[in-house]
Amino acid sequence: MKVLVPAGPERMAIALGKWEGTPVLALRWNGTDASPIGNPQSRGLATWFIVERGPYTDAIIEALPVADKELARNFIPKT
C-alpha cells in the first residue's frame, strides 16, 4: 500500500494498493492521540475502505495533487 495523502489526526488518508490482485484506491480516517486506531478498524486493527472502481475513483484521483494524480493514473487507468 502506498499512502498518497497521509493527512493528520482526524483527517482522511488516501492510498493506492491492490485488492485481490486489482489496483484500487483506499481510504481511512486517521486516529488521534486519544483514539489512535482511526476508522475503519476491525478487532482493534486499522483497516482501509476500498473504493469501487469507476466514477468515484476517478473523481478522487482528479482531486489529488498533480504528482500524486500522475502516480495514481499510472497505477489505476481511468474507467
PDB file of N, CA and C in Angstrom:
ATOM      1  N   MET A   1       0.851  -1.166   0.000  1.00  0.00           N
ATOM      2  CA  MET A   1       0.000   0.000   0.000  1.00  0.00           C
ATOM      3  C   MET A   1       0.900   1.233   0.000  1.00  0.00           C
ATOM      4  N   LYS A   2       0.595   2.194  -0.857  1.00  0.00           N
ATOM      5  CA  LYS A   2       1.338   3.456  -0.939  1.00  0.00           C
ATOM      6  C   LYS A   2       0.390   4.574  -0.531  1.00  0.00           C
ATOM      7  N   VAL A   3       0.669   5.219   0.594  1.00  0.00           N
ATOM      8  CA  VAL A   3      -0.168   6.313   1.073  1.00  0.00           C
ATOM      9  C   VAL A   3       0.171   7.569   0.280  1.00  0.00           C
ATOM     10  N   LEU A   4      -0.846   8.142  -0.380  1.00  0.00           N
ATOM     11  CA  LEU A   4      -0.658   9.359  -1.169  1.00  0.00           C
ATOM     12  C   LEU A   4      -0.883  10.604  -0.331  1.00  0.00           C
ATOM     13  N   VAL A   5      -1.961  10.599   0.434  1.00  0.00           N
ATOM     14  CA  VAL A   5      -2.327  11.749   1.257  1.00  0.00           C
ATOM     15  C   VAL A   5      -2.422  11.264   2.697  1.00  0.00           C
ATOM     16  N   PRO A   6      -1.334  11.416   3.478  1.00  0.00           N
ATOM     17  CA  PRO A   6      -1.382  10.912   4.844  1.00  0.00           C
ATOM     18  C   PRO A   6      -2.249  11.764   5.769  1.00  0.00           C
ATOM     19  N   ALA A   7      -2.420  13.050   5.422  1.00  0.00           N
ATOM     20  CA  ALA A   7      -3.202  13.982   6.245  1.00  0.00           C
ATOM     21  C   ALA A   7      -2.676  13.995   7.673  1.00  0.00           C
ATOM     22  N   GLY A   8      -3.542  14.193   8.627  1.00  0.00           N
ATOM     23  CA  GLY A   8      -3.141  14.259  10.027  1.00  0.00           C
ATOM     24  C   GLY A   8      -4.224  13.662  10.899  1.00  0.00           C
ATOM     25  N   PRO A   9      -4.145  13.890  12.210  1.00  0.00           N
ATOM     26  CA  PRO A   9      -5.158  13.345  13.112  1.00  0.00           C
ATOM     27  C   PRO A   9      -6.565  13.779  12.707  1.00  0.00           C
ATOM     28  N   GLU A  10      -7.487  12.825  12.770  1.00  0.00           N
ATOM     29  CA  GLU A  10      -8.897  13.035  12.421  1.00  0.00           C
ATOM     30  C   GLU A  10      -9.093  13.512  10.991  1.00  0.00           C
ATOM     31  N   ARG A  11      -8.139  13.216  10.110  1.00  0.00           N
ATOM     32  CA  ARG A  11      -8.238  13.575   8.696  1.00  0.00           C
ATOM     33  C   ARG A  11      -8.246  12.299   7.866  1.00  0.00           C
ATOM     34  N   MET A  12      -8.756  12.394   6.644  1.00  0.00           N
ATOM     35  CA  MET A  12      -8.826  11.232   5.767  1.00  0.00           C
ATOM     36  C   MET A  12      -7.489  10.996   5.065  1.00  0.00           C
ATOM     37  N   ALA A  13      -7.040   9.752   5.064  1.00  0.00           N
ATOM     38  CA  ALA A  13      -5.844   9.345   4.332  1.00  0.00           C
ATOM     39  C   ALA A  13      -6.291   8.626   3.059  1.00  0.00           C
ATOM     40  N   ILE A  14      -5.528   8.802   1.973  1.00  0.00           N
ATOM     41  CA  ILE A  14      -5.828   8.175   0.688  1.00  0.00           C
ATOM     42  C   ILE A  14      -4.607   7.372   0.265  1.00  0.00           C
ATOM     43  N   ALA A  15      -4.843   6.142  -0.218  1.00  0.00           N
ATOM     44  CA  ALA A  15      -3.723   5.278  -0.591  1.00  0.00           C
ATOM     45  C   ALA A  15      -4.041   4.483  -1.858  1.00  0.00           C
ATOM     46  N   LEU A  16      -2.962   4.035  -2.509  1.00  0.00           N
ATOM     47  CA  LEU A  16      -3.061   3.097  -3.624  1.00  0.00           C
ATOM     48  C   LEU A  16      -2.659   1.726  -3.119  1.00  0.00           C
ATOM     49  N   GLY A  17      -3.331   0.706  -3.606  1.00  0.00           N
ATOM     50  CA  GLY A  17      -2.968  -0.645  -3.219  1.00  0.00           C
ATOM     51  C   GLY A  17      -3.584  -1.653  -4.163  1.00  0.00           C
ATOM     52  N   LYS A  18      -3.482  -2.906  -3.816  1.00  0.00           N
ATOM     53  CA  LYS A  18      -4.100  -3.973  -4.606  1.00  0.00           C
ATOM     54  C   LYS A  18      -5.046  -4.763  -3.719  1.00  0.00           C
ATOM     55  N   TRP A  19      -6.217  -5.031  -4.253  1.00  0.00           N
ATOM     56  CA  TRP A  19      -7.217  -5.850  -3.572  1.00  0.00           C
ATOM     57  C   TRP A  19      -7.504  -7.025  -4.496  1.00  0.00           C
ATOM     58  N   GLU A  20      -7.186  -8.221  -4.034  1.00  0.00           N
ATOM     59  CA  GLU A  20      -7.346  -9.436  -4.833  1.00  0.00           C
ATOM     60  C   GLU A  20      -6.671  -9.285  -6.197  1.00  0.00           C
ATOM     61  N   GLY A  21      -5.486  -8.661  -6.208  1.00  0.00           N
ATOM     62  CA  GLY A  21      -4.693  -8.512  -7.418  1.00  0.00           C
ATOM     63  C   GLY A  21      -5.062  -7.347  -8.313  1.00  0.00           C
ATOM     64  N   THR A  22      -6.109  -6.596  -7.963  1.00  0.00           N
ATOM     65  CA  THR A  22      -6.567  -5.473  -8.772  1.00  0.00           C
ATOM     66  C   THR A  22      -6.139  -4.154  -8.136  1.00  0.00           C
ATOM     67  N   PRO A  23      -5.571  -3.217  -8.917  1.00  0.00           N
ATOM     68  CA  PRO A  23      -5.209  -1.909  -8.362  1.00  0.00           C
ATOM     69  C   PRO A  23      -6.457  -1.162  -7.882  1.00  0.00           C
ATOM     70  N   VAL A  24      -6.376  -0.609  -6.674  1.00  0.00           N
ATOM     71  CA  VAL A  24      -7.518   0.092  -6.089  1.00  0.00           C
ATOM     72  C   VAL A  24      -7.060   1.348  -5.346  1.00  0.00           C
ATOM     73  N   LEU A  25      -8.028   2.176  -5.061  1.00  0.00           N
ATOM     74  CA  LEU A  25      -7.856   3.338  -4.202  1.00  0.00           C
ATOM     75  C   LEU A  25      -8.479   2.973  -2.861  1.00  0.00           C
ATOM     76  N   ALA A  26      -7.832   3.361  -1.765  1.00  0.00           N
ATOM     77  CA  ALA A  26      -8.329   3.026  -0.432  1.00  0.00           C
ATOM     78  C   ALA A  26      -8.356   4.283   0.437  1.00  0.00           C
ATOM     79  N   LEU A  27      -9.300   4.336   1.372  1.00  0.00           N
ATOM     80  CA  LEU A  27      -9.477   5.489   2.260  1.00  0.00           C
ATOM     81  C   LEU A  27      -9.589   5.018   3.701  1.00  0.00           C
ATOM     82  N   ARG A  28      -9.227   5.904   4.622  1.00  0.00           N
ATOM     83  CA  ARG A  28      -9.485   5.678   6.051  1.00  0.00           C
ATOM     84  C   ARG A  28      -9.331   7.003   6.787  1.00  0.00           C
ATOM     85  N   TRP A  29      -9.951   7.101   7.931  1.00  0.00           N
ATOM     86  CA  TRP A  29      -9.798   8.268   8.793  1.00  0.00           C
ATOM     87  C   TRP A  29      -8.705   7.978   9.797  1.00  0.00           C
ATOM     88  N   ASN A  30      -7.761   8.893   9.917  1.00  0.00           N
ATOM     89  CA  ASN A  30      -6.686   8.742  10.895  1.00  0.00           C
ATOM     90  C   ASN A  30      -7.225   8.920  12.300  1.00  0.00           C
ATOM     91  N   GLY A  31      -6.550   8.316  13.231  1.00  0.00           N
ATOM     92  CA  GLY A  31      -6.926   8.421  14.634  1.00  0.00           C
ATOM     93  C   GLY A  31      -6.354   9.674  15.282  1.00  0.00           C
ATOM     94  N   THR A  32      -6.478   9.722  16.588  1.00  0.00           N
ATOM     95  CA  THR A  32      -5.958  10.826  17.394  1.00  0.00           C
ATOM     96  C   THR A  32      -5.137  10.224  18.534  1.00  0.00           C
ATOM     97  N   ASP A  33      -4.531  11.060  19.340  1.00  0.00           N
ATOM     98  CA  ASP A  33      -3.804  10.548  20.499  1.00  0.00           C
ATOM     99  C   ASP A  33      -4.745   9.791  21.444  1.00  0.00           C
ATOM    100  N   ALA A  34      -5.969  10.294  21.569  1.00  0.00           N
ATOM    101  CA  ALA A  34      -6.937   9.660  22.463  1.00  0.00           C
ATOM    102  C   ALA A  34      -7.545   8.388  21.856  1.00  0.00           C
ATOM    103  N   SER A  35      -7.631   8.324  20.531  1.00  0.00           N
ATOM    104  CA  SER A  35      -8.212   7.174  19.828  1.00  0.00           C
ATOM    105  C   SER A  35      -7.332   6.861  18.618  1.00  0.00           C
ATOM    106  N   PRO A  36      -6.177   6.207  18.823  1.00  0.00           N
ATOM    107  CA  PRO A  36      -5.155   6.090  17.791  1.00  0.00           C
ATOM    108  C   PRO A  36      -5.469   5.175  16.608  1.00  0.00           C
ATOM    109  N   ILE A  37      -6.461   4.321  16.705  1.00  0.00           N
ATOM    110  CA  ILE A  37      -6.705   3.356  15.635  1.00  0.00           C
ATOM    111  C   ILE A  37      -7.309   4.013  14.392  1.00  0.00           C
ATOM    112  N   GLY A  38      -8.172   4.997  14.548  1.00  0.00           N
ATOM    113  CA  GLY A  38      -8.844   5.600  13.409  1.00  0.00           C
ATOM    114  C   GLY A  38     -10.019   4.744  12.960  1.00  0.00           C
ATOM    115  N   ASN A  39     -10.490   4.994  11.728  1.00  0.00           N
ATOM    116  CA  ASN A  39     -11.666   4.308  11.228  1.00  0.00           C
ATOM    117  C   ASN A  39     -11.554   4.145   9.717  1.00  0.00           C
ATOM    118  N   PRO A  40     -11.851   3.006   9.133  1.00  0.00           N
ATOM    119  CA  PRO A  40     -12.399   1.824   9.787  1.00  0.00           C
ATOM    120  C   PRO A  40     -11.327   1.026  10.521  1.00  0.00           C
ATOM    121  N   GLN A  41     -11.815   0.118  11.362  1.00  0.00           N
ATOM    122  CA  GLN A  41     -10.936  -0.790  12.090  1.00  0.00           C
ATOM    123  C   GLN A  41     -11.683  -2.104  12.285  1.00  0.00           C
ATOM    124  N   SER A  42     -10.921  -3.154  12.495  1.00  0.00           N
ATOM    125  CA  SER A  42     -11.503  -4.466  12.726  1.00  0.00           C
ATOM    126  C   SER A  42     -10.748  -5.128  13.872  1.00  0.00           C
ATOM    127  N   ARG A  43     -11.472  -5.423  14.937  1.00  0.00           N
ATOM    128  CA  ARG A  43     -10.885  -6.077  16.122  1.00  0.00           C
ATOM    129  C   ARG A  43      -9.684  -5.322  16.665  1.00  0.00           C
ATOM    130  N   GLY A  44      -9.778  -3.993  16.605  1.00  0.00           N
ATOM    131  CA  GLY A  44      -8.716  -3.173  17.159  1.00  0.00           C
ATOM    132  C   GLY A  44      -7.545  -2.925  16.214  1.00  0.00           C
ATOM    133  N   LEU A  45      -7.650  -3.355  14.954  1.00  0.00           N
ATOM    134  CA  LEU A  45      -6.593  -3.134  13.968  1.00  0.00           C
ATOM    135  C   LEU A  45      -7.083  -2.189  12.883  1.00  0.00           C
ATOM    136  N   ALA A  46      -6.231  -1.258  12.495  1.00  0.00           N
ATOM    137  CA  ALA A  46      -6.583  -0.322  11.431  1.00  0.00           C
ATOM    138  C   ALA A  46      -6.808  -1.067  10.123  1.00  0.00           C
ATOM    139  N   THR A  47      -7.850  -0.703   9.386  1.00  0.00           N
ATOM    140  CA  THR A  47      -8.131  -1.273   8.075  1.00  0.00           C
ATOM    141  C   THR A  47      -8.396  -0.132   7.093  1.00  0.00           C
ATOM    142  N   TRP A  48      -8.495  -0.464   5.814  1.00  0.00           N
ATOM    143  CA  TRP A  48      -8.753   0.517   4.761  1.00  0.00           C
ATOM    144  C   TRP A  48     -10.076   0.188   4.090  1.00  0.00           C
ATOM    145  N   PHE A  49     -10.794   1.237   3.668  1.00  0.00           N
ATOM    146  CA  PHE A  49     -12.030   1.097   2.900  1.00  0.00           C
ATOM    147  C   PHE A  49     -11.656   1.157   1.426  1.00  0.00           C
ATOM    148  N   ILE A  50     -11.987   0.120   0.654  1.00  0.00           N
ATOM    149  CA  ILE A  50     -11.660   0.070  -0.762  1.00  0.00           C
ATOM    150  C   ILE A  50     -12.762   0.785  -1.549  1.00  0.00           C
ATOM    151  N   VAL A  51     -12.351   1.723  -2.409  1.00  0.00           N
ATOM    152  CA  VAL A  51     -13.294   2.467  -3.242  1.00  0.00           C
ATOM    153  C   VAL A  51     -13.535   1.673  -4.518  1.00  0.00           C
ATOM    154  N   GLU A  52     -14.800   1.446  -4.837  1.00  0.00           N
ATOM    155  CA  GLU A  52     -15.157   0.715  -6.051  1.00  0.00           C
ATOM    156  C   GLU A  52     -14.625   1.446  -7.282  1.00  0.00           C
ATOM    157  N   ARG A  53     -14.035   0.699  -8.221  1.00  0.00           N
ATOM    158  CA  ARG A  53     -13.519   1.299  -9.454  1.00  0.00           C
ATOM    159  C   ARG A  53     -14.664   1.925 -10.228  1.00  0.00           C
ATOM    160  N   GLY A  54     -14.449   3.108 -10.762  1.00  0.00           N
ATOM    161  CA  GLY A  54     -15.477   3.786 -11.538  1.00  0.00           C
ATOM    162  C   GLY A  54     -15.454   5.273 -11.264  1.00  0.00           C
ATOM    163  N   PRO A  55     -16.615   5.923 -11.333  1.00  0.00           N
ATOM    164  CA  PRO A  55     -16.648   7.379 -11.223  1.00  0.00           C
ATOM    165  C   PRO A  55     -16.147   7.927  -9.885  1.00  0.00           C
ATOM    166  N   TYR A  56     -16.329   7.184  -8.798  1.00  0.00           N
ATOM    167  CA  TYR A  56     -15.849   7.672  -7.503  1.00  0.00           C
ATOM    168  C   TYR A  56     -14.326   7.676  -7.460  1.00  0.00           C
ATOM    169  N   THR A  57     -13.725   6.593  -7.947  1.00  0.00           N
ATOM    170  CA  THR A  57     -12.262   6.526  -8.010  1.00  0.00           C
ATOM    171  C   THR A  57     -11.728   7.656  -8.886  1.00  0.00           C
ATOM    172  N   ASP A  58     -12.340   7.831 -10.057  1.00  0.00           N
ATOM    173  CA  ASP A  58     -11.892   8.870 -10.985  1.00  0.00           C
ATOM    174  C   ASP A  58     -11.985  10.261 -10.348  1.00  0.00           C
ATOM    175  N   ALA A  59     -13.076  10.543  -9.644  1.00  0.00           N
ATOM    176  CA  ALA A  59     -13.258  11.852  -9.011  1.00  0.00           C
ATOM    177  C   ALA A  59     -12.223  12.104  -7.916  1.00  0.00           C
ATOM    178  N   ILE A  60     -11.938  11.087  -7.116  1.00  0.00           N
ATOM    179  CA  ILE A  60     -10.941  11.242  -6.054  1.00  0.00           C
ATOM    180  C   ILE A  60      -9.564  11.467  -6.653  1.00  0.00           C
ATOM    181  N   ILE A  61      -9.218  10.691  -7.677  1.00  0.00           N
ATOM    182  CA  ILE A  61      -7.910  10.861  -8.314  1.00  0.00           C
ATOM    183  C   ILE A  61      -7.783  12.262  -8.912  1.00  0.00           C
ATOM    184  N   GLU A  62      -8.820  12.766  -9.534  1.00  0.00           N
ATOM    185  CA  GLU A  62      -8.778  14.113 -10.129  1.00  0.00           C
ATOM    186  C   GLU A  62      -8.559  15.197  -9.077  1.00  0.00           C
ATOM    187  N   ALA A  63      -8.938  14.930  -7.832  1.00  0.00           N
ATOM    188  CA  ALA A  63      -8.781  15.912  -6.758  1.00  0.00           C
ATOM    189  C   ALA A  63      -7.397  15.865  -6.098  1.00  0.00           C
ATOM    190  N   LEU A  64      -6.564  14.882  -6.460  1.00  0.00           N
ATOM    191  CA  LEU A  64      -5.238  14.748  -5.860  1.00  0.00           C
ATOM    192  C   LEU A  64      -4.275  15.809  -6.380  1.00  0.00           C
ATOM    193  N   PRO A  65      -3.212  16.110  -5.622  1.00  0.00           N
ATOM    194  CA  PRO A  65      -2.150  16.980  -6.133  1.00  0.00           C
ATOM    195  C   PRO A  65      -1.572  16.378  -7.414  1.00  0.00           C
ATOM    196  N   VAL A  66      -1.034  17.229  -8.291  1.00  0.00           N
ATOM    197  CA  VAL A  66      -0.585  16.812  -9.621  1.00  0.00           C
ATOM    198  C   VAL A  66       0.337  15.591  -9.596  1.00  0.00           C
ATOM    199  N   ALA A  67       1.368  15.588  -8.778  1.00  0.00           N
ATOM    200  CA  ALA A  67       2.319  14.462  -8.745  1.00  0.00           C
ATOM    201  C   ALA A  67       1.619  13.165  -8.325  1.00  0.00           C
ATOM    202  N   ASP A  68       0.739  13.240  -7.327  1.00  0.00           N
ATOM    203  CA  ASP A  68       0.019  12.052  -6.878  1.00  0.00           C
ATOM    204  C   ASP A  68      -0.996  11.599  -7.920  1.00  0.00           C
ATOM    205  N   LYS A  69      -1.610  12.556  -8.624  1.00  0.00           N
ATOM    206  CA  LYS A  69      -2.580  12.224  -9.664  1.00  0.00           C
ATOM    207  C   LYS A  69      -1.911  11.404 -10.770  1.00  0.00           C
ATOM    208  N   GLU A  70      -0.721  11.814 -11.186  1.00  0.00           N
ATOM    209  CA  GLU A  70       0.003  11.088 -12.233  1.00  0.00           C
ATOM    210  C   GLU A  70       0.357   9.677 -11.764  1.00  0.00           C
ATOM    211  N   LEU A  71       0.837   9.543 -10.547  1.00  0.00           N
ATOM    212  CA  LEU A  71       1.159   8.238  -9.992  1.00  0.00           C
ATOM    213  C   LEU A  71      -0.088   7.355  -9.946  1.00  0.00           C
ATOM    214  N   ALA A  72      -1.203   7.923  -9.473  1.00  0.00           N
ATOM    215  CA  ALA A  72      -2.450   7.162  -9.371  1.00  0.00           C
ATOM    216  C   ALA A  72      -2.956   6.740 -10.742  1.00  0.00           C
ATOM    217  N   ARG A  73      -2.887   7.622 -11.734  1.00  0.00           N
ATOM    218  CA  ARG A  73      -3.362   7.289 -13.089  1.00  0.00           C
ATOM    219  C   ARG A  73      -2.499   6.221 -13.744  1.00  0.00           C
ATOM    220  N   ASN A  74      -1.203   6.201 -13.423  1.00  0.00           N
ATOM    221  CA  ASN A  74      -0.355   5.131 -13.952  1.00  0.00           C
ATOM    222  C   ASN A  74      -0.666   3.802 -13.284  1.00  0.00           C
ATOM    223  N   PHE A  75      -1.157   3.843 -12.063  1.00  0.00           N
ATOM    224  CA  PHE A  75      -1.483   2.634 -11.302  1.00  0.00           C
ATOM    225  C   PHE A  75      -2.909   2.162 -11.584  1.00  0.00           C
ATOM    226  N   ILE A  76      -3.847   3.119 -11.670  1.00  0.00           N
ATOM    227  CA  ILE A  76      -5.254   2.823 -11.911  1.00  0.00           C
ATOM    228  C   ILE A  76      -5.706   3.616 -13.136  1.00  0.00           C
ATOM    229  N   PRO A  77      -5.773   3.000 -14.310  1.00  0.00           N
ATOM    230  CA  PRO A  77      -6.217   3.726 -15.506  1.00  0.00           C
ATOM    231  C   PRO A  77      -7.640   4.242 -15.348  1.00  0.00           C
ATOM    232  N   LYS A  78      -7.952   5.343 -16.018  1.00  0.00           N
ATOM    233  CA  LYS A  78      -9.294   5.924 -15.957  1.00  0.00           C
ATOM    234  C   LYS A  78     -10.316   4.956 -16.522  1.00  0.00           C
ATOM    235  N   THR A  79     -11.472   4.871 -15.853  1.00  0.00           N
ATOM    236  CA  THR A  79     -12.521   3.946 -16.306  1.00  0.00           C
ATOM    237  C   THR A  79     -13.441   4.620 -17.296  1.00  0.00           C
TER     238      THR A  79
END
